[in-house]
Amino acid sequence: MFACLPMLAGAQEKLPKDVAQFAENAEMCEHFAGEWDDNDKARQREITQAIEQSCGLAQRQWKRLSAKYAGQPKWRKMIDEQANDAVRSYRKSS
């Protein structure tokens, strides 16, 4: 069974760096979007700032990568799967 592991590892294609960065930002966006805390105003400001940064960046990356990888269904599917609700629905606060 363990003899097959090197073959499996070699068969996996490496994720493009820009797609990996997008996935990380999208994950952080979703994390902070779920952290809402009305009881601690200082912490809420930190959360809002983290949401502005991670969600704003992830949304811009999503749009750019969707166009860049439009002709590559494998990467496009992965990008769309990572574009969670927090990324898709993000709107910059005024």
PDB file of N, CA and C in Angstrom:
ATOM      1  N   MET A   1       0.827  -1.191   0.000  1.00  0.00           N
ATOM      2  CA  MET A   1       0.000   0.000   0.000  1.00  0.00           C
ATOM      3  C   MET A   1       0.873   1.258   0.000  1.00  0.00           C
ATOM      4  N   PHE A   2       1.896   1.318   0.846  1.00  0.00           N
ATOM      5  CA  PHE A   2       2.742   2.511   0.930  1.00  0.00           C
ATOM      6  C   PHE A   2       3.607   2.690  -0.305  1.00  0.00           C
ATOM      7  N   ALA A   3       3.809   1.634  -1.056  1.00  0.00           N
ATOM      8  CA  ALA A   3       4.597   1.731  -2.283  1.00  0.00           C
ATOM      9  C   ALA A   3       3.903   2.603  -3.323  1.00  0.00           C
ATOM     10  N   CYS A   4       2.590   2.757  -3.231  1.00  0.00           N
ATOM     11  CA  CYS A   4       1.825   3.562  -4.192  1.00  0.00           C
ATOM     12  C   CYS A   4       1.877   5.051  -3.885  1.00  0.00           C
ATOM     13  N   LEU A   5       2.241   5.434  -2.659  1.00  0.00           N
ATOM     14  CA  LEU A   5       2.218   6.841  -2.266  1.00  0.00           C
ATOM     15  C   LEU A   5       3.074   7.734  -3.159  1.00  0.00           C
ATOM     16  N   PRO A   6       4.320   7.357  -3.509  1.00  0.00           N
ATOM     17  CA  PRO A   6       5.086   8.247  -4.394  1.00  0.00           C
ATOM     18  C   PRO A   6       4.415   8.468  -5.744  1.00  0.00           C
ATOM     19  N   MET A   7       3.738   7.471  -6.273  1.00  0.00           N
ATOM     20  CA  MET A   7       3.053   7.633  -7.552  1.00  0.00           C
ATOM     21  C   MET A   7       1.885   8.601  -7.426  1.00  0.00           C
ATOM     22  N   LEU A   8       1.151   8.506  -6.322  1.00  0.00           N
ATOM     23  CA  LEU A   8       0.022   9.407  -6.116  1.00  0.00           C
ATOM     24  C   LEU A   8       0.502  10.850  -5.949  1.00  0.00           C
ATOM     25  N   ALA A   9       1.557  11.026  -5.195  1.00  0.00           N
ATOM     26  CA  ALA A   9       2.080  12.375  -4.978  1.00  0.00           C
ATOM     27  C   ALA A   9       2.554  12.979  -6.291  1.00  0.00           C
ATOM     28  N   GLY A  10       3.169  12.185  -7.137  1.00  0.00           N
ATOM     29  CA  GLY A  10       3.655  12.684  -8.415  1.00  0.00           C
ATOM     30  C   GLY A  10       2.530  12.987  -9.379  1.00  0.00           C
ATOM     31  N   ALA A  11       1.392  12.334  -9.196  1.00  0.00           N
ATOM     32  CA  ALA A  11       0.270  12.530 -10.114  1.00  0.00           C
ATOM     33  C   ALA A  11      -0.478  13.834  -9.838  1.00  0.00           C
ATOM     34  N   GLN A  12      -0.336  14.372  -8.630  1.00  0.00           N
ATOM     35  CA  GLN A  12      -1.043  15.597  -8.302  1.00  0.00           C
ATOM     36  C   GLN A  12      -0.323  16.789  -8.921  1.00  0.00           C
ATOM     37  N   GLU A  13      -1.072  17.615  -9.605  1.00  0.00           N
ATOM     38  CA  GLU A  13      -0.514  18.802 -10.222  1.00  0.00           C
ATOM     39  C   GLU A  13      -0.427  19.905  -9.174  1.00  0.00           C
ATOM     40  N   LYS A  14       0.671  20.644  -9.204  1.00  0.00           N
ATOM     41  CA  LYS A  14       0.865  21.716  -8.235  1.00  0.00           C
ATOM     42  C   LYS A  14      -0.104  22.863  -8.522  1.00  0.00           C
ATOM     43  N   LEU A  15      -0.686  23.385  -7.465  1.00  0.00           N
ATOM     44  CA  LEU A  15      -1.623  24.500  -7.550  1.00  0.00           C
ATOM     45  C   LEU A  15      -0.865  25.770  -7.945  1.00  0.00           C
ATOM     46  N   PRO A  16      -1.355  26.522  -8.923  1.00  0.00           N
ATOM     47  CA  PRO A  16      -0.689  27.787  -9.272  1.00  0.00           C
ATOM     48  C   PRO A  16      -0.633  28.707  -8.050  1.00  0.00           C
ATOM     49  N   LYS A  17       0.457  29.433  -7.915  1.00  0.00           N
ATOM     50  CA  LYS A  17       0.676  30.281  -6.740  1.00  0.00           C
ATOM     51  C   LYS A  17      -0.451  31.294  -6.546  1.00  0.00           C
ATOM     52  N   ASP A  18      -0.911  31.916  -7.640  1.00  0.00           N
ATOM     53  CA  ASP A  18      -1.965  32.922  -7.499  1.00  0.00           C
ATOM     54  C   ASP A  18      -3.286  32.301  -7.053  1.00  0.00           C
ATOM     55  N   VAL A  19      -3.546  31.079  -7.454  1.00  0.00           N
ATOM     56  CA  VAL A  19      -4.765  30.384  -7.024  1.00  0.00           C
ATOM     57  C   VAL A  19      -4.646  30.001  -5.549  1.00  0.00           C
ATOM     58  N   ALA A  20      -3.470  29.563  -5.134  1.00  0.00           N
ATOM     59  CA  ALA A  20      -3.245  29.215  -3.725  1.00  0.00           C
ATOM     60  C   ALA A  20      -3.399  30.444  -2.830  1.00  0.00           C
ATOM     61  N   GLN A  21      -2.877  31.589  -3.269  1.00  0.00           N
ATOM     62  CA  GLN A  21      -3.019  32.820  -2.492  1.00  0.00           C
ATOM     63  C   GLN A  21      -4.482  33.242  -2.394  1.00  0.00           C
ATOM     64  N   PHE A  22      -5.206  33.099  -3.491  1.00  0.00           N
ATOM     65  CA  PHE A  22      -6.629  33.421  -3.485  1.00  0.00           C
ATOM     66  C   PHE A  22      -7.370  32.528  -2.492  1.00  0.00           C
ATOM     67  N   ALA A  23      -7.089  31.227  -2.509  1.00  0.00           N
ATOM     68  CA  ALA A  23      -7.761  30.288  -1.602  1.00  0.00           C
ATOM     69  C   ALA A  23      -7.505  30.668  -0.146  1.00  0.00           C
ATOM     70  N   GLU A  24      -6.288  31.080   0.156  1.00  0.00           N
ATOM     71  CA  GLU A  24      -5.955  31.495   1.520  1.00  0.00           C
ATOM     72  C   GLU A  24      -6.721  32.762   1.908  1.00  0.00           C
ATOM     73  N   ASN A  25      -6.763  33.745   1.024  1.00  0.00           N
ATOM     74  CA  ASN A  25      -7.501  34.983   1.310  1.00  0.00           C
ATOM     75  C   ASN A  25      -8.999  34.731   1.440  1.00  0.00           C
ATOM     76  N   ALA A  26      -9.533  33.858   0.598  1.00  0.00           N
ATOM     77  CA  ALA A  26     -10.963  33.535   0.665  1.00  0.00           C
ATOM     78  C   ALA A  26     -11.289  32.849   1.994  1.00  0.00           C
ATOM     79  N   GLU A  27     -10.400  31.990   2.453  1.00  0.00           N
ATOM     80  CA  GLU A  27     -10.607  31.307   3.735  1.00  0.00           C
ATOM     81  C   GLU A  27     -10.583  32.312   4.888  1.00  0.00           C
ATOM     82  N   MET A  28      -9.642  33.259   4.848  1.00  0.00           N
ATOM     83  CA  MET A  28      -9.574  34.285   5.896  1.00  0.00           C
ATOM     84  C   MET A  28     -10.813  35.182   5.856  1.00  0.00           C
ATOM     85  N   CYS A  29     -11.273  35.497   4.675  1.00  0.00           N
ATOM     86  CA  CYS A  29     -12.480  36.307   4.515  1.00  0.00           C
ATOM     87  C   CYS A  29     -13.663  35.622   5.196  1.00  0.00           C
ATOM     88  N   GLU A  30     -13.845  34.353   4.894  1.00  0.00           N
ATOM     89  CA  GLU A  30     -14.954  33.608   5.482  1.00  0.00           C
ATOM     90  C   GLU A  30     -14.813  33.524   6.998  1.00  0.00           C
ATOM     91  N   HIS A  31     -13.594  33.320   7.468  1.00  0.00           N
ATOM     92  CA  HIS A  31     -13.357  33.236   8.910  1.00  0.00           C
ATOM     93  C   HIS A  31     -13.763  34.534   9.610  1.00  0.00           C
ATOM     94  N   PHE A  32     -13.243  35.655   9.128  1.00  0.00           N
ATOM     95  CA  PHE A  32     -13.541  36.926   9.786  1.00  0.00           C
ATOM     96  C   PHE A  32     -14.994  37.345   9.615  1.00  0.00           C
ATOM     97  N   ALA A  33     -15.615  36.993   8.505  1.00  0.00           N
ATOM     98  CA  ALA A  33     -17.031  37.330   8.303  1.00  0.00           C
ATOM     99  C   ALA A  33     -17.910  36.628   9.337  1.00  0.00           C
ATOM    100  N   GLY A  34     -17.454  35.509   9.868  1.00  0.00           N
ATOM    101  CA  GLY A  34     -18.210  34.788  10.888  1.00  0.00           C
ATOM    102  C   GLY A  34     -17.867  35.189  12.310  1.00  0.00           C
ATOM    103  N   GLU A  35     -17.034  36.203  12.480  1.00  0.00           N
ATOM    104  CA  GLU A  35     -16.551  36.605  13.802  1.00  0.00           C
ATOM    105  C   GLU A  35     -17.294  37.794  14.401  1.00  0.00           C
ATOM    106  N   TRP A  36     -18.413  38.173  13.888  1.00  0.00           N
ATOM    107  CA  TRP A  36     -19.110  39.384  14.336  1.00  0.00           C
ATOM    108  C   TRP A  36     -19.342  39.374  15.842  1.00  0.00           C
ATOM    109  N   ASP A  37     -19.018  40.498  16.518  1.00  0.00           N
ATOM    110  CA  ASP A  37     -19.150  40.595  17.975  1.00  0.00           C
ATOM    111  C   ASP A  37     -19.582  42.010  18.344  1.00  0.00           C
ATOM    112  N   ASP A  38     -20.857  42.183  18.622  1.00  0.00           N
ATOM    113  CA  ASP A  38     -21.371  43.510  18.978  1.00  0.00           C
ATOM    114  C   ASP A  38     -21.012  43.928  20.401  1.00  0.00           C
ATOM    115  N   ASN A  39     -20.573  43.009  21.234  1.00  0.00           N
ATOM    116  CA  ASN A  39     -20.305  43.308  22.637  1.00  0.00           C
ATOM    117  C   ASN A  39     -18.960  43.992  22.870  1.00  0.00           C
ATOM    118  N   ASP A  40     -18.019  43.847  21.970  1.00  0.00           N
ATOM    119  CA  ASP A  40     -16.678  44.416  22.134  1.00  0.00           C
ATOM    120  C   ASP A  40     -16.376  45.298  20.927  1.00  0.00           C
ATOM    121  N   LYS A  41     -16.542  46.607  21.102  1.00  0.00           N
ATOM    122  CA  LYS A  41     -16.406  47.546  19.986  1.00  0.00           C
ATOM    123  C   LYS A  41     -14.979  47.568  19.420  1.00  0.00           C
ATOM    124  N   ALA A  42     -13.964  47.460  20.270  1.00  0.00           N
ATOM    125  CA  ALA A  42     -12.584  47.459  19.784  1.00  0.00           C
ATOM    126  C   ALA A  42     -12.322  46.213  18.933  1.00  0.00           C
ATOM    127  N   ARG A  43     -12.783  45.076  19.413  1.00  0.00           N
ATOM    128  CA  ARG A  43     -12.603  43.834  18.652  1.00  0.00           C
ATOM    129  C   ARG A  43     -13.396  43.902  17.347  1.00  0.00           C
ATOM    130  N   GLN A  44     -14.570  44.494  17.377  1.00  0.00           N
ATOM    131  CA  GLN A  44     -15.371  44.603  16.164  1.00  0.00           C
ATOM    132  C   GLN A  44     -14.665  45.454  15.116  1.00  0.00           C
ATOM    133  N   ARG A  45     -13.966  46.522  15.549  1.00  0.00           N
ATOM    134  CA  ARG A  45     -13.200  47.339  14.603  1.00  0.00           C
ATOM    135  C   ARG A  45     -12.085  46.508  13.962  1.00  0.00           C
ATOM    136  N   GLU A  46     -11.412  45.674  14.761  1.00  0.00           N
ATOM    137  CA  GLU A  46     -10.367  44.791  14.233  1.00  0.00           C
ATOM    138  C   GLU A  46     -10.940  43.808  13.210  1.00  0.00           C
ATOM    139  N   ILE A  47     -12.092  43.242  13.544  1.00  0.00           N
ATOM    140  CA  ILE A  47     -12.739  42.278  12.645  1.00  0.00           C
ATOM    141  C   ILE A  47     -13.148  42.970  11.346  1.00  0.00           C
ATOM    142  N   THR A  48     -13.736  44.161  11.457  1.00  0.00           N
ATOM    143  CA  THR A  48     -14.165  44.902  10.271  1.00  0.00           C
ATOM    144  C   THR A  48     -12.965  45.217   9.382  1.00  0.00           C
ATOM    145  N   GLN A  49     -11.862  45.604   9.979  1.00  0.00           N
ATOM    146  CA  GLN A  49     -10.651  45.898   9.216  1.00  0.00           C
ATOM    147  C   GLN A  49     -10.126  44.630   8.522  1.00  0.00           C
ATOM    148  N   ALA A  50     -10.140  43.500   9.215  1.00  0.00           N
ATOM    149  CA  ALA A  50      -9.689  42.238   8.627  1.00  0.00           C
ATOM    150  C   ALA A  50     -10.608  41.802   7.488  1.00  0.00           C
ATOM    151  N   ILE A  51     -11.905  42.034   7.644  1.00  0.00           N
ATOM    152  CA  ILE A  51     -12.862  41.708   6.579  1.00  0.00           C
ATOM    153  C   ILE A  51     -12.597  42.587   5.359  1.00  0.00           C
ATOM    154  N   GLU A  52     -12.417  43.893   5.590  1.00  0.00           N
ATOM    155  CA  GLU A  52     -12.137  44.817   4.479  1.00  0.00           C
ATOM    156  C   GLU A  52     -10.904  44.352   3.710  1.00  0.00           C
ATOM    157  N   GLN A  53      -9.881  43.939   4.436  1.00  0.00           N
ATOM    158  CA  GLN A  53      -8.632  43.545   3.795  1.00  0.00           C
ATOM    159  C   GLN A  53      -8.767  42.196   3.082  1.00  0.00           C
ATOM    160  N   SER A  54      -9.175  41.164   3.806  1.00  0.00           N
ATOM    161  CA  SER A  54      -9.180  39.817   3.219  1.00  0.00           C
ATOM    162  C   SER A  54     -10.291  39.637   2.188  1.00  0.00           C
ATOM    163  N   CYS A  55     -11.481  40.120   2.469  1.00  0.00           N
ATOM    164  CA  CYS A  55     -12.590  39.950   1.525  1.00  0.00           C
ATOM    165  C   CYS A  55     -12.412  40.820   0.289  1.00  0.00           C
ATOM    166  N   GLY A  56     -11.953  42.044   0.490  1.00  0.00           N
ATOM    167  CA  GLY A  56     -11.723  42.925  -0.649  1.00  0.00           C
ATOM    168  C   GLY A  56     -10.662  42.349  -1.578  1.00  0.00           C
ATOM    169  N   LEU A  57      -9.565  41.873  -1.002  1.00  0.00           N
ATOM    170  CA  LEU A  57      -8.494  41.280  -1.797  1.00  0.00           C
ATOM    171  C   LEU A  57      -8.976  40.008  -2.491  1.00  0.00           C
ATOM    172  N   ALA A  58      -9.652  39.141  -1.747  1.00  0.00           N
ATOM    173  CA  ALA A  58     -10.135  37.878  -2.326  1.00  0.00           C
ATOM    174  C   ALA A  58     -11.115  38.136  -3.465  1.00  0.00           C
ATOM    175  N   GLN A  59     -11.988  39.121  -3.311  1.00  0.00           N
ATOM    176  CA  GLN A  59     -12.960  39.403  -4.365  1.00  0.00           C
ATOM    177  C   GLN A  59     -12.265  39.916  -5.630  1.00  0.00           C
ATOM    178  N   ARG A  60     -11.276  40.780  -5.463  1.00  0.00           N
ATOM    179  CA  ARG A  60     -10.519  41.265  -6.630  1.00  0.00           C
ATOM    180  C   ARG A  60      -9.762  40.111  -7.293  1.00  0.00           C
ATOM    181  N   GLN A  61      -9.146  39.255  -6.482  1.00  0.00           N
ATOM    182  CA  GLN A  61      -8.423  38.105  -7.018  1.00  0.00           C
ATOM    183  C   GLN A  61      -9.381  37.177  -7.758  1.00  0.00           C
ATOM    184  N   TRP A  62     -10.547  36.943  -7.190  1.00  0.00           N
ATOM    185  CA  TRP A  62     -11.537  36.046  -7.794  1.00  0.00           C
ATOM    186  C   TRP A  62     -11.892  36.523  -9.200  1.00  0.00           C
ATOM    187  N   LYS A  63     -12.158  37.799  -9.333  1.00  0.00           N
ATOM    188  CA  LYS A  63     -12.520  38.348 -10.641  1.00  0.00           C
ATOM    189  C   LYS A  63     -11.361  38.231 -11.627  1.00  0.00           C
ATOM    190  N   ARG A  64     -10.147  38.560 -11.167  1.00  0.00           N
ATOM    191  CA  ARG A  64      -8.975  38.508 -12.052  1.00  0.00           C
ATOM    192  C   ARG A  64      -8.651  37.072 -12.436  1.00  0.00           C
ATOM    193  N   LEU A  65      -8.681  36.153 -11.476  1.00  0.00           N
ATOM    194  CA  LEU A  65      -8.341  34.755 -11.762  1.00  0.00           C
ATOM    195  C   LEU A  65      -9.416  34.071 -12.606  1.00  0.00           C
ATOM    196  N   SER A  66     -10.667  34.444 -12.418  1.00  0.00           N
ATOM    197  CA  SER A  66     -11.740  33.875 -13.232  1.00  0.00           C
ATOM    198  C   SER A  66     -11.502  34.184 -14.704  1.00  0.00           C
ATOM    199  N   ALA A  67     -11.043  35.392 -14.982  1.00  0.00           N
ATOM    200  CA  ALA A  67     -10.740  35.764 -16.370  1.00  0.00           C
ATOM    201  C   ALA A  67      -9.458  35.077 -16.846  1.00  0.00           C
ATOM    202  N   LYS A  68      -8.442  35.068 -15.997  1.00  0.00           N
ATOM    203  CA  LYS A  68      -7.151  34.483 -16.367  1.00  0.00           C
ATOM    204  C   LYS A  68      -7.266  32.995 -16.690  1.00  0.00           C
ATOM    205  N   TYR A  69      -8.055  32.270 -15.896  1.00  0.00           N
ATOM    206  CA  TYR A  69      -8.164  30.820 -16.052  1.00  0.00           C
ATOM    207  C   TYR A  69      -9.468  30.397 -16.740  1.00  0.00           C
ATOM    208  N   ALA A  70     -10.090  31.308 -17.445  1.00  0.00           N
ATOM    209  CA  ALA A  70     -11.373  31.025 -18.110  1.00  0.00           C
ATOM    210  C   ALA A  70     -11.286  29.828 -19.041  1.00  0.00           C
ATOM    211  N   GLY A  71     -10.177  29.643 -19.704  1.00  0.00           N
ATOM    212  CA  GLY A  71     -10.019  28.539 -20.645  1.00  0.00           C
ATOM    213  C   GLY A  71      -9.448  27.276 -20.034  1.00  0.00           C
ATOM    214  N   GLN A  72      -9.345  27.253 -18.708  1.00  0.00           N
ATOM    215  CA  GLN A  72      -8.778  26.097 -18.013  1.00  0.00           C
ATOM    216  C   GLN A  72      -9.793  25.597 -16.979  1.00  0.00           C
ATOM    217  N   PRO A  73     -10.704  24.733 -17.402  1.00  0.00           N
ATOM    218  CA  PRO A  73     -11.819  24.322 -16.545  1.00  0.00           C
ATOM    219  C   PRO A  73     -11.405  23.778 -15.177  1.00  0.00           C
ATOM    220  N   LYS A  74     -10.299  23.071 -15.111  1.00  0.00           N
ATOM    221  CA  LYS A  74      -9.852  22.502 -13.829  1.00  0.00           C
ATOM    222  C   LYS A  74      -9.569  23.605 -12.814  1.00  0.00           C
ATOM    223  N   TRP A  75      -8.797  24.611 -13.214  1.00  0.00           N
ATOM    224  CA  TRP A  75      -8.466  25.697 -12.301  1.00  0.00           C
ATOM    225  C   TRP A  75      -9.665  26.605 -12.075  1.00  0.00           C
ATOM    226  N   ARG A  76     -10.458  26.826 -13.101  1.00  0.00           N
ATOM    227  CA  ARG A  76     -11.644  27.668 -12.962  1.00  0.00           C
ATOM    228  C   ARG A  76     -12.622  27.062 -11.957  1.00  0.00           C
ATOM    229  N   LYS A  77     -12.791  25.743 -11.995  1.00  0.00           N
ATOM    230  CA  LYS A  77     -13.678  25.064 -11.046  1.00  0.00           C
ATOM    231  C   LYS A  77     -13.157  25.238  -9.620  1.00  0.00           C
ATOM    232  N   MET A  78     -11.855  25.076  -9.444  1.00  0.00           N
ATOM    233  CA  MET A  78     -11.261  25.231  -8.119  1.00  0.00           C
ATOM    234  C   MET A  78     -11.437  26.661  -7.606  1.00  0.00           C
ATOM    235  N   ILE A  79     -11.239  27.637  -8.476  1.00  0.00           N
ATOM    236  CA  ILE A  79     -11.402  29.045  -8.104  1.00  0.00           C
ATOM    237  C   ILE A  79     -12.844  29.317  -7.695  1.00  0.00           C
ATOM    238  N   ASP A  80     -13.790  28.846  -8.491  1.00  0.00           N
ATOM    239  CA  ASP A  80     -15.204  29.057  -8.172  1.00  0.00           C
ATOM    240  C   ASP A  80     -15.606  28.375  -6.866  1.00  0.00           C
ATOM    241  N   GLU A  81     -15.044  27.205  -6.592  1.00  0.00           N
ATOM    242  CA  GLU A  81     -15.346  26.507  -5.343  1.00  0.00           C
ATOM    243  C   GLU A  81     -14.811  27.266  -4.134  1.00  0.00           C
ATOM    244  N   GLN A  82     -13.688  27.952  -4.296  1.00  0.00           N
ATOM    245  CA  GLN A  82     -13.093  28.716  -3.193  1.00  0.00           C
ATOM    246  C   GLN A  82     -13.784  30.054  -2.970  1.00  0.00           C
ATOM    247  N   ALA A  83     -14.499  30.542  -3.971  1.00  0.00           N
ATOM    248  CA  ALA A  83     -15.197  31.822  -3.854  1.00  0.00           C
ATOM    249  C   ALA A  83     -16.457  31.613  -3.016  1.00  0.00           C
ATOM    250  N   ASN A  84     -16.260  31.567  -1.704  1.00  0.00           N
ATOM    251  CA  ASN A  84     -17.364  31.310  -0.773  1.00  0.00           C
ATOM    252  C   ASN A  84     -18.336  32.492  -0.737  1.00  0.00           C
ATOM    253  N   ASP A  85     -19.407  32.338   0.007  1.00  0.00           N
ATOM    254  CA  ASP A  85     -20.438  33.388   0.090  1.00  0.00           C
ATOM    255  C   ASP A  85     -19.879  34.717   0.587  1.00  0.00           C
ATOM    256  N   ALA A  86     -18.940  34.659   1.529  1.00  0.00           N
ATOM    257  CA  ALA A  86     -18.368  35.896   2.069  1.00  0.00           C
ATOM    258  C   ALA A  86     -17.625  36.668   0.976  1.00  0.00           C
ATOM    259  N   VAL A  87     -16.908  35.962   0.124  1.00  0.00           N
ATOM    260  CA  VAL A  87     -16.189  36.610  -0.982  1.00  0.00           C
ATOM    261  C   VAL A  87     -17.180  37.130  -2.013  1.00  0.00           C
ATOM    262  N   ARG A  88     -18.140  36.323  -2.378  1.00  0.00           N
ATOM    263  CA  ARG A  88     -19.098  36.694  -3.423  1.00  0.00           C
ATOM    264  C   ARG A  88     -19.975  37.878  -3.012  1.00  0.00           C
ATOM    265  N   SER A  89     -20.328  37.961  -1.750  1.00  0.00           N
ATOM    266  CA  SER A  89     -21.275  38.990  -1.311  1.00  0.00           C
ATOM    267  C   SER A  89     -20.605  40.216  -0.692  1.00  0.00           C
ATOM    268  N   TYR A  90     -19.279  40.240  -0.609  1.00  0.00           N
ATOM    269  CA  TYR A  90     -18.579  41.347   0.026  1.00  0.00           C
ATOM    270  C   TYR A  90     -18.870  42.680  -0.668  1.00  0.00           C
ATOM    271  N   ARG A  91     -19.169  43.677   0.139  1.00  0.00           N
ATOM    272  CA  ARG A  91     -19.347  45.058  -0.322  1.00  0.00           C
ATOM    273  C   ARG A  91     -18.566  45.941   0.627  1.00  0.00           C
ATOM    274  N   LYS A  92     -17.732  46.787   0.074  1.00  0.00           N
ATOM    275  CA  LYS A  92     -16.923  47.691   0.900  1.00  0.00           C
ATOM    276  C   LYS A  92     -17.843  48.600   1.711  1.00  0.00           C
ATOM    277  N   SER A  93     -17.539  48.698   3.005  1.00  0.00           N
ATOM    278  CA  SER A  93     -18.364  49.570   3.851  1.00  0.00           C
ATOM    279  C   SER A  93     -17.995  51.023   3.604  1.00  0.00           C
ATOM    280  N   SER A  94     -18.942  51.913   3.849  1.00  0.00           N
ATOM    281  CA  SER A  94     -18.686  53.325   3.580  1.00  0.00           C
ATOM    282  C   SER A  94     -18.134  54.041   4.787  1.00  0.00           C
TER     283      SER A  94
END
